[in-house]
Amino acid sequence: MFDMFLNSVTLFMKGRLFQDVGSVIRQAIIGMVITAAIVIGLVKAGLSLWIAIIVASLVAGAIQPYLFKDLKYA
């Protein structure tokens, strides 16, 4: 298991883990922007920061499978 982890990290660092690295980065940025928008919106709506972070984290975790559903490994 640890060997598989090291192999994945090595391929990632060399830029050979994903077929289209730009697509992976774009989808990750989309997830970060959505999460940040949710946190900011909830704080502006009057929720405390820690509750807003928990809610945004749950939403971000829920949208990850959708964002990365077409991810292709090399």
Protein backbone atom coordinates (compact mmCIF):
# COMPACT_ATOMS: atom_id res chain seq x y z
CA MET A 1 0.00 0.00 0.00
CA PHE A 2 2.77 2.41 0.92
CA ASP A 3 4.62 1.47 -2.29
CA MET A 4 1.52 2.36 -4.35
CA PHE A 5 1.32 5.71 -2.55
CA LEU A 6 4.99 6.47 -3.25
CA ASN A 7 4.56 5.48 -6.90
CA SER A 8 1.56 7.82 -7.27
CA VAL A 9 3.40 10.70 -5.61
CA THR A 10 6.43 10.13 -7.86
CA LEU A 11 4.30 10.11 -11.01
CA PHE A 12 2.44 13.22 -9.83
CA MET A 13 5.68 15.11 -9.20
CA LYS A 14 6.98 14.13 -12.64
CA GLY A 15 3.70 15.29 -14.23
CA ARG A 16 2.79 11.84 -15.55
CA LEU A 17 -0.06 10.79 -13.25
CA PHE A 18 -2.88 12.41 -15.24
CA GLN A 19 -3.40 12.53 -19.00
CA ASP A 20 -4.50 16.16 -18.95
CA VAL A 21 -2.96 18.05 -16.02
CA GLY A 22 -4.62 21.30 -17.12
CA SER A 23 -8.06 19.74 -16.76
CA VAL A 24 -7.25 18.50 -13.26
CA ILE A 25 -6.02 21.93 -12.19
CA ARG A 26 -9.06 23.64 -13.74
CA GLN A 27 -11.49 21.32 -11.94
CA ALA A 28 -9.65 21.78 -8.62
CA ILE A 29 -9.80 25.56 -8.99
CA ILE A 30 -13.53 25.37 -9.76
CA GLY A 31 -14.03 23.39 -6.55
CA MET A 32 -12.00 25.91 -4.54
CA VAL A 33 -13.94 28.87 -5.96
CA ILE A 34 -17.29 27.22 -5.21
CA THR A 35 -16.19 26.44 -1.66
CA ALA A 36 -14.88 29.97 -1.07
CA ALA A 37 -18.09 31.46 -2.45
CA ILE A 38 -20.17 29.31 -0.10
CA VAL A 39 -18.05 30.31 2.92
CA ILE A 40 -18.23 34.00 2.05
CA GLY A 41 -21.96 33.85 1.33
CA LEU A 42 -22.78 32.06 4.56
CA VAL A 43 -20.65 34.42 6.66
CA LYS A 44 -22.30 37.43 4.97
CA ALA A 45 -25.68 35.82 5.72
CA GLY A 46 -24.86 35.86 9.42
CA LEU A 47 -23.58 32.38 10.21
CA SER A 48 -20.48 32.05 12.32
CA LEU A 49 -17.27 31.29 10.47
CA TRP A 50 -16.81 27.80 11.85
CA ILE A 51 -20.32 26.71 10.82
CA ALA A 52 -19.83 28.23 7.37
CA ILE A 53 -16.56 26.30 6.96
CA ILE A 54 -18.18 23.02 8.00
CA VAL A 55 -21.09 23.48 5.57
CA ALA A 56 -18.81 24.54 2.72
CA SER A 57 -16.51 21.59 3.39
CA LEU A 58 -19.41 19.15 3.22
CA VAL A 59 -20.62 20.68 -0.05
CA ALA A 60 -17.09 20.67 -1.49
CA GLY A 61 -16.66 17.01 -0.59
CA ALA A 62 -20.00 16.19 -2.18
CA ILE A 63 -19.15 17.89 -5.50
CA GLN A 64 -15.68 16.32 -5.86
CA PRO A 65 -16.97 13.12 -7.52
CA TYR A 66 -18.92 15.22 -10.02
CA LEU A 67 -15.95 17.49 -10.79
CA PHE A 68 -13.51 14.63 -11.26
CA LYS A 69 -15.80 12.06 -12.89
CA ASP A 70 -14.01 12.29 -16.26
CA LEU A 71 -10.50 12.27 -14.81
CA LYS A 72 -8.14 10.10 -16.87
CA TYR A 73 -4.92 8.66 -15.50
CA ALA A 74 -1.89 8.18 -17.71
